[in-house]
Amino acid sequence: MIITKTPFRMSFFGGGTDIPSFFEKYRGAVISTTFDKYAYVNVRHLPRFFDYTTELVYSQTERVVSVDQIDHPAIREAMRMLDMHELRLSYDADLPARTGLGTSSSFAVGMLNAFYCMKGKYRSKKDLAQDAIYLERTLCNEAGGWQDQIAASFGGLNRIDFDKHGFQVRPVIISPSRKKQLNDRLMLFFTGFTRVSSEIQKDLLAEKRDRTPELLAMLEMVDRAQAILEEPSSDLDEFGRLLDEAWQIKRSLSNSVSSDAIDQIYERAKKIGALGGKLLGAGGGGFLLFYVPVGKRKALRKELKDLLEVPFAFENEGTQVFYYQPESYDVEGALD
């Protein structure tokens, strides 16, 4: 039995510049962090006692006799990709899917990590990220960028750069005390509205509008945000104000990004004292993140009492094998 634990991520700056059609021409960069909410993937070989050969338990249950019969595209394509057979796979998570936290990519990374472990093979964090990108973007043909798979694999507070040669991950150099100050000023609220990120990306593509100026502006903010974080003498509140600036640009990209309800929540938060924030993910709903000076947190919590607040702490590990108990397995028998 293998159990993997893979963190979710929150992206601060540069979202949208991690899409190949943009970064292969202009380059791209994001600043993001993972935090202590996780996707758990449990995989073991299924004993040959049943009239099915593979059992999958996630938001629904599938029992099939052939990999080709699997409905879940990421599981089906990953099992084909790594030639996996006769499995019982279950998925659980600390937070719901389709909420802008990169949950599908965390699942993909954690699943691939577990599959490689079952085969007794080591994959580096970069290899796992690349494999998950290939699985989701090529094999499953899902629209979107690359940042989620990379963040889930590597973990931590990082700057991720993209160009036509691939990607590079660099940790943001910040002292533990300053990093804690940042963590203490961020508040996460669930809006209750969810939508699949790939659908929003398809909407953006379908509108056929040139968003290059906005994306270049968002790319430039990555440098500014990194400078704010890494310069100890800079005012950390500038990070919050920059989040607001980035959100105003992001919401102008398409009507799919925000909604009247989300805009109203955002304005309520700013009136109470939030300096900035953003809707995490591609947009359309999910989690709202706010940068709130410490003295304003209690008031904001009271103002948004109709929403579910999710306390969190940054994490640094990325995907991990949480439990490893190898099994002997008759591969030839599985293929008979």
C-alpha atoms as a PDB file:
ATOM      1  CA  MET A   1       0.000   0.000   0.000  1.00  0.00           C
ATOM      2  CA  ILE A   2       1.142   3.502  -0.885  1.00  0.00           C
ATOM      3  CA  ILE A   3      -0.303   6.730   0.514  1.00  0.00           C
ATOM      4  CA  THR A   4       0.841  10.078  -0.862  1.00  0.00           C
ATOM      5  CA  LYS A   5       0.170  13.522   0.595  1.00  0.00           C
ATOM      6  CA  THR A   6       0.294  16.452  -1.822  1.00  0.00           C
ATOM      7  CA  PRO A   7      -0.346  20.101  -0.881  1.00  0.00           C
ATOM      8  CA  PHE A   8      -2.696  22.573  -2.490  1.00  0.00           C
ATOM      9  CA  ARG A   9      -1.367  25.912  -3.697  1.00  0.00           C
ATOM     10  CA  MET A  10      -2.293  29.562  -3.729  1.00  0.00           C
ATOM     11  CA  SER A  11      -0.943  31.682  -6.548  1.00  0.00           C
ATOM     12  CA  PHE A  12      -0.191  35.333  -5.804  1.00  0.00           C
ATOM     13  CA  PHE A  13       1.126  36.884  -9.023  1.00  0.00           C
ATOM     14  CA  GLY A  14       1.673  35.987 -12.661  1.00  0.00           C
ATOM     15  CA  GLY A  15      -1.267  33.652 -13.236  1.00  0.00           C
ATOM     16  CA  GLY A  16      -1.993  33.316 -16.950  1.00  0.00           C
ATOM     17  CA  THR A  17       1.634  33.852 -17.957  1.00  0.00           C
ATOM     18  CA  ASP A  18       2.273  30.132 -17.272  1.00  0.00           C
ATOM     19  CA  ILE A  19       0.381  29.091 -20.413  1.00  0.00           C
ATOM     20  CA  PRO A  20       2.708  27.871 -23.215  1.00  0.00           C
ATOM     21  CA  SER A  21       1.118  30.014 -25.937  1.00  0.00           C
ATOM     22  CA  PHE A  22       2.174  33.062 -23.905  1.00  0.00           C
ATOM     23  CA  PHE A  23       5.464  32.137 -22.244  1.00  0.00           C
ATOM     24  CA  GLU A  24       7.015  30.512 -25.314  1.00  0.00           C
ATOM     25  CA  LYS A  25       6.794  33.937 -26.970  1.00  0.00           C
ATOM     26  CA  TYR A  26       7.221  36.394 -24.095  1.00  0.00           C
ATOM     27  CA  ARG A  27       8.370  34.271 -21.083  1.00  0.00           C
ATOM     28  CA  GLY A  28       6.265  33.855 -17.945  1.00  0.00           C
ATOM     29  CA  ALA A  29       6.635  33.838 -14.171  1.00  0.00           C
ATOM     30  CA  VAL A  30       4.507  33.267 -11.100  1.00  0.00           C
ATOM     31  CA  ILE A  31       4.922  33.599  -7.361  1.00  0.00           C
ATOM     32  CA  SER A  32       2.981  31.011  -5.426  1.00  0.00           C
ATOM     33  CA  THR A  33       3.052  28.992  -2.241  1.00  0.00           C
ATOM     34  CA  THR A  34       1.740  25.678  -1.042  1.00  0.00           C
ATOM     35  CA  PHE A  35      -0.060  25.454   2.293  1.00  0.00           C
ATOM     36  CA  ASP A  36      -1.108  22.855   4.840  1.00  0.00           C
ATOM     37  CA  LYS A  37      -4.190  21.489   3.107  1.00  0.00           C
ATOM     38  CA  TYR A  38      -3.635  18.293   1.163  1.00  0.00           C
ATOM     39  CA  ALA A  39      -4.802  15.731  -1.384  1.00  0.00           C
ATOM     40  CA  TYR A  40      -4.349  12.133  -0.208  1.00  0.00           C
ATOM     41  CA  VAL A  41      -4.051   9.265  -2.671  1.00  0.00           C
ATOM     42  CA  ASN A  42      -4.139   5.691  -1.387  1.00  0.00           C
ATOM     43  CA  VAL A  43      -3.179   2.953  -3.860  1.00  0.00           C
ATOM     44  CA  ARG A  44      -2.792  -0.787  -3.473  1.00  0.00           C
ATOM     45  CA  HIS A  45      -3.134  -3.822  -5.689  1.00  0.00           C
ATOM     46  CA  LEU A  46      -6.629  -5.290  -5.737  1.00  0.00           C
ATOM     47  CA  PRO A  47      -6.823  -8.987  -4.762  1.00  0.00           C
ATOM     48  CA  ARG A  48      -8.308 -11.237  -7.462  1.00  0.00           C
ATOM     49  CA  PHE A  49     -11.453 -12.136  -5.541  1.00  0.00           C
ATOM     50  CA  PHE A  50     -13.916  -9.926  -7.403  1.00  0.00           C
ATOM     51  CA  ASP A  51     -15.685  -9.734 -10.747  1.00  0.00           C
ATOM     52  CA  TYR A  52     -13.903  -6.430 -11.378  1.00  0.00           C
ATOM     53  CA  THR A  53     -10.153  -5.762 -11.592  1.00  0.00           C
ATOM     54  CA  THR A  54      -9.902  -2.083 -10.667  1.00  0.00           C
ATOM     55  CA  GLU A  55     -11.780  -0.084  -8.038  1.00  0.00           C
ATOM     56  CA  LEU A  56     -11.624   3.709  -7.835  1.00  0.00           C
ATOM     57  CA  VAL A  57     -13.124   5.755  -5.018  1.00  0.00           C
ATOM     58  CA  TYR A  58     -13.241   9.550  -5.335  1.00  0.00           C
ATOM     59  CA  SER A  59     -16.415  11.668  -5.581  1.00  0.00           C
ATOM     60  CA  GLN A  60     -17.936   8.549  -7.107  1.00  0.00           C
ATOM     61  CA  THR A  61     -17.018   4.858  -7.175  1.00  0.00           C
ATOM     62  CA  GLU A  62     -15.949   2.993 -10.287  1.00  0.00           C
ATOM     63  CA  ARG A  63     -15.464  -0.760 -10.591  1.00  0.00           C
ATOM     64  CA  VAL A  64     -14.203  -1.903 -13.979  1.00  0.00           C
ATOM     65  CA  VAL A  65     -12.564  -4.888 -15.662  1.00  0.00           C
ATOM     66  CA  SER A  66     -10.535  -2.818 -18.124  1.00  0.00           C
ATOM     67  CA  VAL A  67      -8.576   0.420 -17.875  1.00  0.00           C
ATOM     68  CA  ASP A  68     -10.368   1.587 -21.019  1.00  0.00           C
ATOM     69  CA  GLN A  69     -13.676   1.520 -19.093  1.00  0.00           C
ATOM     70  CA  ILE A  70     -12.534   4.093 -16.503  1.00  0.00           C
ATOM     71  CA  ASP A  71     -14.527   7.330 -16.645  1.00  0.00           C
ATOM     72  CA  HIS A  72     -12.084   9.529 -14.704  1.00  0.00           C
ATOM     73  CA  PRO A  73      -9.778  10.840 -17.459  1.00  0.00           C
ATOM     74  CA  ALA A  74      -6.700  11.514 -15.297  1.00  0.00           C
ATOM     75  CA  ILE A  75      -6.797   8.085 -13.651  1.00  0.00           C
ATOM     76  CA  ARG A  76      -7.454   6.314 -16.941  1.00  0.00           C
ATOM     77  CA  GLU A  77      -4.659   8.076 -18.799  1.00  0.00           C
ATOM     78  CA  ALA A  78      -2.186   7.751 -15.904  1.00  0.00           C
ATOM     79  CA  MET A  79      -2.799   4.000 -15.687  1.00  0.00           C
ATOM     80  CA  ARG A  80      -2.257   3.707 -19.429  1.00  0.00           C
ATOM     81  CA  MET A  81       0.814   5.930 -19.275  1.00  0.00           C
ATOM     82  CA  LEU A  82       2.520   3.855 -16.567  1.00  0.00           C
ATOM     83  CA  ASP A  83       0.992   0.486 -17.513  1.00  0.00           C
ATOM     84  CA  MET A  84      -0.808   0.003 -14.191  1.00  0.00           C
ATOM     85  CA  HIS A  85      -3.235  -2.887 -13.561  1.00  0.00           C
ATOM     86  CA  GLU A  86      -5.462  -4.375 -10.856  1.00  0.00           C
ATOM     87  CA  LEU A  87      -5.577  -1.424  -8.487  1.00  0.00           C
ATOM     88  CA  ARG A  88      -7.707  -0.031  -5.740  1.00  0.00           C
ATOM     89  CA  LEU A  89      -7.262   3.755  -5.654  1.00  0.00           C
ATOM     90  CA  SER A  90      -8.994   6.098  -3.234  1.00  0.00           C
ATOM     91  CA  TYR A  91      -8.800   9.871  -3.049  1.00  0.00           C
ATOM     92  CA  ASP A  92      -9.527  12.156  -0.128  1.00  0.00           C
ATOM     93  CA  ALA A  93      -8.769  15.826   0.473  1.00  0.00           C
ATOM     94  CA  ASP A  94      -8.851  18.521   3.123  1.00  0.00           C
ATOM     95  CA  LEU A  95     -10.698  20.965   0.834  1.00  0.00           C
ATOM     96  CA  PRO A  96     -13.179  20.518  -2.026  1.00  0.00           C
ATOM     97  CA  ALA A  97     -12.255  20.329  -5.686  1.00  0.00           C
ATOM     98  CA  ARG A  98     -12.992  23.045  -8.244  1.00  0.00           C
ATOM     99  CA  THR A  99     -12.204  25.869  -5.848  1.00  0.00           C
ATOM    100  CA  GLY A 100      -9.115  27.517  -7.392  1.00  0.00           C
ATOM    101  CA  LEU A 101      -6.479  25.741  -5.276  1.00  0.00           C
ATOM    102  CA  GLY A 102      -4.992  23.509  -7.967  1.00  0.00           C
ATOM    103  CA  THR A 103      -6.731  20.445  -6.526  1.00  0.00           C
ATOM    104  CA  SER A 104      -6.826  18.458  -9.770  1.00  0.00           C
ATOM    105  CA  SER A 105      -3.093  18.941 -10.290  1.00  0.00           C
ATOM    106  CA  SER A 106      -2.332  18.019  -6.672  1.00  0.00           C
ATOM    107  CA  PHE A 107      -4.293  14.828  -7.254  1.00  0.00           C
ATOM    108  CA  ALA A 108      -2.436  14.143 -10.508  1.00  0.00           C
ATOM    109  CA  VAL A 109       0.962  14.665  -8.892  1.00  0.00           C
ATOM    110  CA  GLY A 110       0.071  12.549  -5.856  1.00  0.00           C
ATOM    111  CA  MET A 111      -1.332   9.752  -8.018  1.00  0.00           C
ATOM    112  CA  LEU A 112       1.743   9.624 -10.247  1.00  0.00           C
ATOM    113  CA  ASN A 113       3.986   9.671  -7.184  1.00  0.00           C
ATOM    114  CA  ALA A 114       2.075   6.661  -5.803  1.00  0.00           C
ATOM    115  CA  PHE A 115       2.167   4.785  -9.127  1.00  0.00           C
ATOM    116  CA  TYR A 116       5.930   5.195  -9.457  1.00  0.00           C
ATOM    117  CA  CYS A 117       6.363   3.980  -5.876  1.00  0.00           C
ATOM    118  CA  MET A 118       4.327   0.877  -6.677  1.00  0.00           C
ATOM    119  CA  LYS A 119       6.750   0.193  -9.494  1.00  0.00           C
ATOM    120  CA  GLY A 120       9.722   0.759  -7.194  1.00  0.00           C
ATOM    121  CA  LYS A 121      10.872   3.749  -9.228  1.00  0.00           C
ATOM    122  CA  TYR A 122      12.133   7.101  -7.960  1.00  0.00           C
ATOM    123  CA  ARG A 123      11.009  10.287  -9.685  1.00  0.00           C
ATOM    124  CA  SER A 124      12.391  13.695  -8.798  1.00  0.00           C
ATOM    125  CA  LYS A 125      10.071  16.588  -8.040  1.00  0.00           C
ATOM    126  CA  LYS A 126      10.825  18.077 -11.450  1.00  0.00           C
ATOM    127  CA  ASP A 127      10.096  14.754 -13.178  1.00  0.00           C
ATOM    128  CA  LEU A 128       6.775  14.435 -11.334  1.00  0.00           C
ATOM    129  CA  ALA A 129       5.813  17.986 -12.316  1.00  0.00           C
ATOM    130  CA  GLN A 130       6.649  17.337 -15.963  1.00  0.00           C
ATOM    131  CA  ASP A 131       4.773  14.039 -15.953  1.00  0.00           C
ATOM    132  CA  ALA A 132       1.687  15.670 -14.396  1.00  0.00           C
ATOM    133  CA  ILE A 133       1.779  18.495 -16.957  1.00  0.00           C
ATOM    134  CA  TYR A 134       1.955  15.917 -19.749  1.00  0.00           C
ATOM    135  CA  LEU A 135      -0.882  13.907 -18.194  1.00  0.00           C
ATOM    136  CA  GLU A 136      -3.278  16.828 -17.739  1.00  0.00           C
ATOM    137  CA  ARG A 137      -2.426  19.079 -20.662  1.00  0.00           C
ATOM    138  CA  THR A 138      -1.586  16.496 -23.364  1.00  0.00           C
ATOM    139  CA  LEU A 139      -3.147  13.134 -22.533  1.00  0.00           C
ATOM    140  CA  CYS A 140      -6.320  14.605 -20.977  1.00  0.00           C
ATOM    141  CA  ASN A 141      -6.293  17.655 -23.271  1.00  0.00           C
ATOM    142  CA  GLU A 142      -7.295  20.007 -20.450  1.00  0.00           C
ATOM    143  CA  ALA A 143      -6.743  23.725 -21.036  1.00  0.00           C
ATOM    144  CA  GLY A 144      -4.586  25.625 -18.557  1.00  0.00           C
ATOM    145  CA  GLY A 145      -1.092  26.486 -17.446  1.00  0.00           C
ATOM    146  CA  TRP A 146       1.787  24.679 -15.795  1.00  0.00           C
ATOM    147  CA  GLN A 147       2.113  26.319 -12.397  1.00  0.00           C
ATOM    148  CA  ASP A 148      -0.223  24.025 -10.416  1.00  0.00           C
ATOM    149  CA  GLN A 149       1.622  20.800 -11.155  1.00  0.00           C
ATOM    150  CA  ILE A 150       4.978  22.416 -10.365  1.00  0.00           C
ATOM    151  CA  ALA A 151       3.813  23.939  -7.082  1.00  0.00           C
ATOM    152  CA  ALA A 152       2.270  20.658  -5.932  1.00  0.00           C
ATOM    153  CA  SER A 153       5.461  18.764  -6.733  1.00  0.00           C
ATOM    154  CA  PHE A 154       8.019  21.156  -5.244  1.00  0.00           C
ATOM    155  CA  GLY A 155       6.121  22.796  -2.375  1.00  0.00           C
ATOM    156  CA  GLY A 156       7.161  26.029  -0.677  1.00  0.00           C
ATOM    157  CA  LEU A 157       7.049  29.731  -1.481  1.00  0.00           C
ATOM    158  CA  ASN A 158       8.634  29.998  -4.916  1.00  0.00           C
ATOM    159  CA  ARG A 159       9.120  32.018  -8.025  1.00  0.00           C
ATOM    160  CA  ILE A 160       8.571  29.796 -11.070  1.00  0.00           C
ATOM    161  CA  ASP A 161       9.898  31.051 -14.416  1.00  0.00           C
ATOM    162  CA  PHE A 162       8.759  29.746 -17.799  1.00  0.00           C
ATOM    163  CA  ASP A 163      10.198  30.070 -21.295  1.00  0.00           C
ATOM    164  CA  LYS A 164      10.448  28.052 -24.484  1.00  0.00           C
ATOM    165  CA  HIS A 165      13.025  25.777 -22.821  1.00  0.00           C
ATOM    166  CA  GLY A 166      10.753  24.785 -19.920  1.00  0.00           C
ATOM    167  CA  PHE A 167      10.577  25.998 -16.336  1.00  0.00           C
ATOM    168  CA  GLN A 168      12.799  26.808 -13.387  1.00  0.00           C
ATOM    169  CA  VAL A 169      11.855  26.908  -9.707  1.00  0.00           C
ATOM    170  CA  ARG A 170      13.585  29.328  -7.333  1.00  0.00           C
ATOM    171  CA  PRO A 171      12.639  29.741  -3.673  1.00  0.00           C
ATOM    172  CA  VAL A 172      11.730  33.245  -2.568  1.00  0.00           C
ATOM    173  CA  ILE A 173      14.466  34.280  -0.122  1.00  0.00           C
ATOM    174  CA  ILE A 174      12.572  35.446   2.942  1.00  0.00           C
ATOM    175  CA  SER A 175      13.343  35.110   6.646  1.00  0.00           C
ATOM    176  CA  PRO A 176      11.123  32.811   8.746  1.00  0.00           C
ATOM    177  CA  SER A 177       9.849  35.771  10.792  1.00  0.00           C
ATOM    178  CA  ARG A 178       8.916  37.816   7.701  1.00  0.00           C
ATOM    179  CA  LYS A 179       7.311  34.776   6.108  1.00  0.00           C
ATOM    180  CA  LYS A 180       5.212  34.316   9.248  1.00  0.00           C
ATOM    181  CA  GLN A 181       4.207  37.982   9.088  1.00  0.00           C
ATOM    182  CA  LEU A 182       2.973  37.394   5.536  1.00  0.00           C
ATOM    183  CA  ASN A 183       1.106  34.244   6.564  1.00  0.00           C
ATOM    184  CA  ASP A 184      -0.513  36.106   9.476  1.00  0.00           C
ATOM    185  CA  ARG A 185      -1.831  38.819   7.149  1.00  0.00           C
ATOM    186  CA  LEU A 186      -3.525  36.479   4.691  1.00  0.00           C
ATOM    187  CA  MET A 187      -7.098  35.287   5.222  1.00  0.00           C
ATOM    188  CA  LEU A 188      -8.845  32.658   3.105  1.00  0.00           C
ATOM    189  CA  PHE A 189     -12.637  32.506   2.632  1.00  0.00           C
ATOM    190  CA  PHE A 190     -14.777  30.051   0.702  1.00  0.00           C
ATOM    191  CA  THR A 191     -17.331  31.796  -1.501  1.00  0.00           C
ATOM    192  CA  GLY A 192     -19.394  28.677  -2.114  1.00  0.00           C
ATOM    193  CA  PHE A 193     -19.254  29.092  -5.872  1.00  0.00           C
ATOM    194  CA  THR A 194     -17.215  26.597  -7.888  1.00  0.00           C
ATOM    195  CA  ARG A 195     -16.315  26.109 -11.507  1.00  0.00           C
ATOM    196  CA  VAL A 196     -13.835  23.957 -13.437  1.00  0.00           C
ATOM    197  CA  SER A 197     -10.692  25.967 -14.223  1.00  0.00           C
ATOM    198  CA  SER A 198     -10.270  24.412 -17.680  1.00  0.00           C
ATOM    199  CA  GLU A 199     -13.764  25.624 -18.639  1.00  0.00           C
ATOM    200  CA  ILE A 200     -12.823  29.220 -17.803  1.00  0.00           C
ATOM    201  CA  GLN A 201      -9.588  28.883 -19.780  1.00  0.00           C
ATOM    202  CA  LYS A 202     -11.611  27.675 -22.758  1.00  0.00           C
ATOM    203  CA  ASP A 203     -13.955  30.666 -22.377  1.00  0.00           C
ATOM    204  CA  LEU A 204     -10.972  33.009 -22.436  1.00  0.00           C
ATOM    205  CA  LEU A 205      -9.653  31.364 -25.602  1.00  0.00           C
ATOM    206  CA  ALA A 206     -13.080  31.430 -27.241  1.00  0.00           C
ATOM    207  CA  GLU A 207     -13.371  35.197 -26.761  1.00  0.00           C
ATOM    208  CA  LYS A 208     -10.337  35.599 -29.065  1.00  0.00           C
ATOM    209  CA  ARG A 209      -9.300  38.840 -27.444  1.00  0.00           C
ATOM    210  CA  ASP A 210      -5.650  39.847 -27.295  1.00  0.00           C
ATOM    211  CA  ARG A 211      -4.790  39.921 -23.593  1.00  0.00           C
ATOM    212  CA  THR A 212      -1.059  40.365 -24.106  1.00  0.00           C
ATOM    213  CA  PRO A 213      -0.858  43.875 -22.555  1.00  0.00           C
ATOM    214  CA  GLU A 214      -2.630  42.719 -19.388  1.00  0.00           C
ATOM    215  CA  LEU A 215      -0.529  39.555 -19.100  1.00  0.00           C
ATOM    216  CA  LEU A 216       2.692  41.527 -19.575  1.00  0.00           C
ATOM    217  CA  ALA A 217       1.585  43.871 -16.787  1.00  0.00           C
ATOM    218  CA  MET A 218       0.882  40.885 -14.550  1.00  0.00           C
ATOM    219  CA  LEU A 219       4.281  39.429 -15.425  1.00  0.00           C
ATOM    220  CA  GLU A 220       6.007  42.666 -14.387  1.00  0.00           C
ATOM    221  CA  MET A 221       4.278  42.469 -11.009  1.00  0.00           C
ATOM    222  CA  VAL A 222       6.120  39.233 -10.236  1.00  0.00           C
ATOM    223  CA  ASP A 223       9.398  41.161 -10.063  1.00  0.00           C
ATOM    224  CA  ARG A 224       7.823  43.841  -7.860  1.00  0.00           C
ATOM    225  CA  ALA A 225       6.292  41.275  -5.513  1.00  0.00           C
ATOM    226  CA  GLN A 226       9.549  39.378  -5.176  1.00  0.00           C
ATOM    227  CA  ALA A 227      11.384  42.608  -4.338  1.00  0.00           C
ATOM    228  CA  ILE A 228       8.827  43.456  -1.641  1.00  0.00           C
ATOM    229  CA  LEU A 229       9.163  40.021  -0.034  1.00  0.00           C
ATOM    230  CA  GLU A 230      12.929  39.723  -0.222  1.00  0.00           C
ATOM    231  CA  GLU A 231      13.866  43.242   0.884  1.00  0.00           C
ATOM    232  CA  PRO A 232      13.620  43.218   4.712  1.00  0.00           C
ATOM    233  CA  SER A 233      13.241  47.002   4.925  1.00  0.00           C
ATOM    234  CA  SER A 234      10.303  47.171   2.496  1.00  0.00           C
ATOM    235  CA  ASP A 235       6.772  47.626   3.800  1.00  0.00           C
ATOM    236  CA  LEU A 236       5.056  44.243   3.636  1.00  0.00           C
ATOM    237  CA  ASP A 237       1.714  46.007   3.225  1.00  0.00           C
ATOM    238  CA  GLU A 238       2.831  46.892  -0.309  1.00  0.00           C
ATOM    239  CA  PHE A 239       2.378  43.204  -1.106  1.00  0.00           C
ATOM    240  CA  GLY A 240      -1.304  43.573  -0.244  1.00  0.00           C
ATOM    241  CA  ARG A 241      -1.726  46.691  -2.332  1.00  0.00           C
ATOM    242  CA  LEU A 242      -0.034  44.957  -5.256  1.00  0.00           C
ATOM    243  CA  LEU A 243      -2.481  42.053  -4.911  1.00  0.00           C
ATOM    244  CA  ASP A 244      -5.307  44.553  -5.362  1.00  0.00           C
ATOM    245  CA  GLU A 245      -3.649  45.997  -8.451  1.00  0.00           C
ATOM    246  CA  ALA A 246      -3.220  42.521  -9.930  1.00  0.00           C
ATOM    247  CA  TRP A 247      -6.814  41.559  -9.151  1.00  0.00           C
ATOM    248  CA  GLN A 248      -8.185  44.612 -10.949  1.00  0.00           C
ATOM    249  CA  ILE A 249      -6.249  43.588 -14.060  1.00  0.00           C
ATOM    250  CA  LYS A 250      -7.223  39.926 -13.783  1.00  0.00           C
ATOM    251  CA  ARG A 251     -10.945  40.636 -13.440  1.00  0.00           C
ATOM    252  CA  SER A 252     -10.781  42.807 -16.567  1.00  0.00           C
ATOM    253  CA  LEU A 253      -9.627  39.860 -18.665  1.00  0.00           C
ATOM    254  CA  SER A 254     -13.095  38.364 -19.010  1.00  0.00           C
ATOM    255  CA  ASN A 255     -16.579  38.373 -17.515  1.00  0.00           C
ATOM    256  CA  SER A 256     -15.910  34.737 -16.546  1.00  0.00           C
ATOM    257  CA  VAL A 257     -13.238  35.679 -14.000  1.00  0.00           C
ATOM    258  CA  SER A 258     -15.462  37.332 -11.401  1.00  0.00           C
ATOM    259  CA  SER A 259     -19.168  37.912 -10.682  1.00  0.00           C
ATOM    260  CA  ASP A 260     -21.337  40.526  -9.027  1.00  0.00           C
ATOM    261  CA  ALA A 261     -21.483  38.453  -5.827  1.00  0.00           C
ATOM    262  CA  ILE A 262     -17.713  38.059  -5.662  1.00  0.00           C
ATOM    263  CA  ASP A 263     -17.158  41.751  -6.426  1.00  0.00           C
ATOM    264  CA  GLN A 264     -19.493  42.668  -3.573  1.00  0.00           C
ATOM    265  CA  ILE A 265     -17.597  40.437  -1.127  1.00  0.00           C
ATOM    266  CA  TYR A 266     -14.316  41.965  -2.263  1.00  0.00           C
ATOM    267  CA  GLU A 267     -15.579  45.513  -1.753  1.00  0.00           C
ATOM    268  CA  ARG A 268     -16.946  44.660   1.691  1.00  0.00           C
ATOM    269  CA  ALA A 269     -13.521  43.346   2.666  1.00  0.00           C
ATOM    270  CA  LYS A 270     -11.736  46.458   1.424  1.00  0.00           C
ATOM    271  CA  LYS A 271     -14.086  48.750   3.336  1.00  0.00           C
ATOM    272  CA  ILE A 272     -13.219  46.894   6.543  1.00  0.00           C
ATOM    273  CA  GLY A 273      -9.490  47.281   5.911  1.00  0.00           C
ATOM    274  CA  ALA A 274      -8.220  44.581   3.552  1.00  0.00           C
ATOM    275  CA  LEU A 275      -5.497  46.122   1.404  1.00  0.00           C
ATOM    276  CA  GLY A 276      -5.978  43.706  -1.457  1.00  0.00           C
ATOM    277  CA  GLY A 277      -6.806  40.191  -2.427  1.00  0.00           C
ATOM    278  CA  LYS A 278      -7.794  37.935  -5.252  1.00  0.00           C
ATOM    279  CA  LEU A 279      -9.970  35.053  -6.292  1.00  0.00           C
ATOM    280  CA  LEU A 280      -7.699  32.037  -6.446  1.00  0.00           C
ATOM    281  CA  GLY A 281      -7.459  30.002  -9.629  1.00  0.00           C
ATOM    282  CA  ALA A 282      -8.760  30.884 -13.072  1.00  0.00           C
ATOM    283  CA  GLY A 283     -11.835  32.580 -11.641  1.00  0.00           C
ATOM    284  CA  GLY A 284     -15.552  32.043 -11.495  1.00  0.00           C
ATOM    285  CA  GLY A 285     -15.700  31.138  -7.805  1.00  0.00           C
ATOM    286  CA  GLY A 286     -14.032  29.161  -5.071  1.00  0.00           C
ATOM    287  CA  PHE A 287     -11.718  30.778  -2.530  1.00  0.00           C
ATOM    288  CA  LEU A 288     -11.091  34.462  -1.961  1.00  0.00           C
ATOM    289  CA  LEU A 289      -7.730  35.397  -0.453  1.00  0.00           C
ATOM    290  CA  PHE A 290      -7.290  38.735   1.333  1.00  0.00           C
ATOM    291  CA  TYR A 291      -4.251  40.576   2.652  1.00  0.00           C
ATOM    292  CA  VAL A 292      -5.415  42.077   5.947  1.00  0.00           C
ATOM    293  CA  PRO A 293      -3.351  44.073   8.470  1.00  0.00           C
ATOM    294  CA  VAL A 294      -3.308  42.191  11.764  1.00  0.00           C
ATOM    295  CA  GLY A 295      -5.421  44.798  13.572  1.00  0.00           C
ATOM    296  CA  LYS A 296      -8.220  44.442  11.001  1.00  0.00           C
ATOM    297  CA  ARG A 297      -8.534  40.648  10.990  1.00  0.00           C
ATOM    298  CA  LYS A 298     -11.169  40.408  13.712  1.00  0.00           C
ATOM    299  CA  ALA A 299     -13.357  43.033  12.034  1.00  0.00           C
ATOM    300  CA  LEU A 300     -13.103  41.307   8.650  1.00  0.00           C
ATOM    301  CA  ARG A 301     -13.942  37.954  10.187  1.00  0.00           C
ATOM    302  CA  LYS A 302     -17.088  39.527  11.658  1.00  0.00           C
ATOM    303  CA  GLU A 303     -18.008  41.256   8.393  1.00  0.00           C
ATOM    304  CA  LEU A 304     -17.671  38.022   6.390  1.00  0.00           C
ATOM    305  CA  LYS A 305     -19.249  35.750   8.983  1.00  0.00           C
ATOM    306  CA  ASP A 306     -21.587  34.469   6.252  1.00  0.00           C
ATOM    307  CA  LEU A 307     -18.556  32.839   4.579  1.00  0.00           C
ATOM    308  CA  LEU A 308     -16.445  29.922   5.755  1.00  0.00           C
ATOM    309  CA  GLU A 309     -12.951  31.013   6.774  1.00  0.00           C
ATOM    310  CA  VAL A 310     -10.182  28.439   6.340  1.00  0.00           C
ATOM    311  CA  PRO A 311      -7.127  29.021   8.569  1.00  0.00           C
ATOM    312  CA  PHE A 312      -3.888  27.835   6.996  1.00  0.00           C
ATOM    313  CA  ALA A 313      -0.115  27.824   7.308  1.00  0.00           C
ATOM    314  CA  PHE A 314       2.497  27.756   4.574  1.00  0.00           C
ATOM    315  CA  GLU A 315       4.215  24.428   3.947  1.00  0.00           C
ATOM    316  CA  ASN A 316       7.528  23.593   2.264  1.00  0.00           C
ATOM    317  CA  GLU A 317       7.578  19.880   1.420  1.00  0.00           C
ATOM    318  CA  GLY A 318       5.553  19.394  -1.744  1.00  0.00           C
ATOM    319  CA  THR A 319       4.329  15.909  -2.598  1.00  0.00           C
ATOM    320  CA  GLN A 320       5.392  13.201  -0.146  1.00  0.00           C
ATOM    321  CA  VAL A 321       5.059   9.467   0.224  1.00  0.00           C
ATOM    322  CA  PHE A 322       3.197   9.401   3.517  1.00  0.00           C
ATOM    323  CA  TYR A 323       3.078   5.606   3.870  1.00  0.00           C
ATOM    324  CA  TYR A 324       5.034   2.960   1.971  1.00  0.00           C
ATOM    325  CA  GLN A 325       4.455  -0.772   2.294  1.00  0.00           C
ATOM    326  CA  PRO A 326       5.596  -2.492  -0.907  1.00  0.00           C
ATOM    327  CA  GLU A 327       3.765  -5.586  -2.154  1.00  0.00           C
ATOM    328  CA  SER A 328       4.843  -8.510  -4.266  1.00  0.00           C
ATOM    329  CA  TYR A 329       2.749  -8.566  -7.427  1.00  0.00           C
ATOM    330  CA  ASP A 330       2.403 -10.989 -10.317  1.00  0.00           C
ATOM    331  CA  VAL A 331       2.611  -8.686 -13.301  1.00  0.00           C
ATOM    332  CA  GLU A 332       2.262 -11.502 -15.828  1.00  0.00           C
ATOM    333  CA  GLY A 333      -0.905 -12.714 -14.084  1.00  0.00           C
ATOM    334  CA  ALA A 334      -2.421  -9.262 -14.346  1.00  0.00           C
ATOM    335  CA  LEU A 335      -1.961  -9.316 -18.095  1.00  0.00           C
ATOM    336  CA  ASP A 336      -3.302 -12.839 -18.691  1.00  0.00           C
END
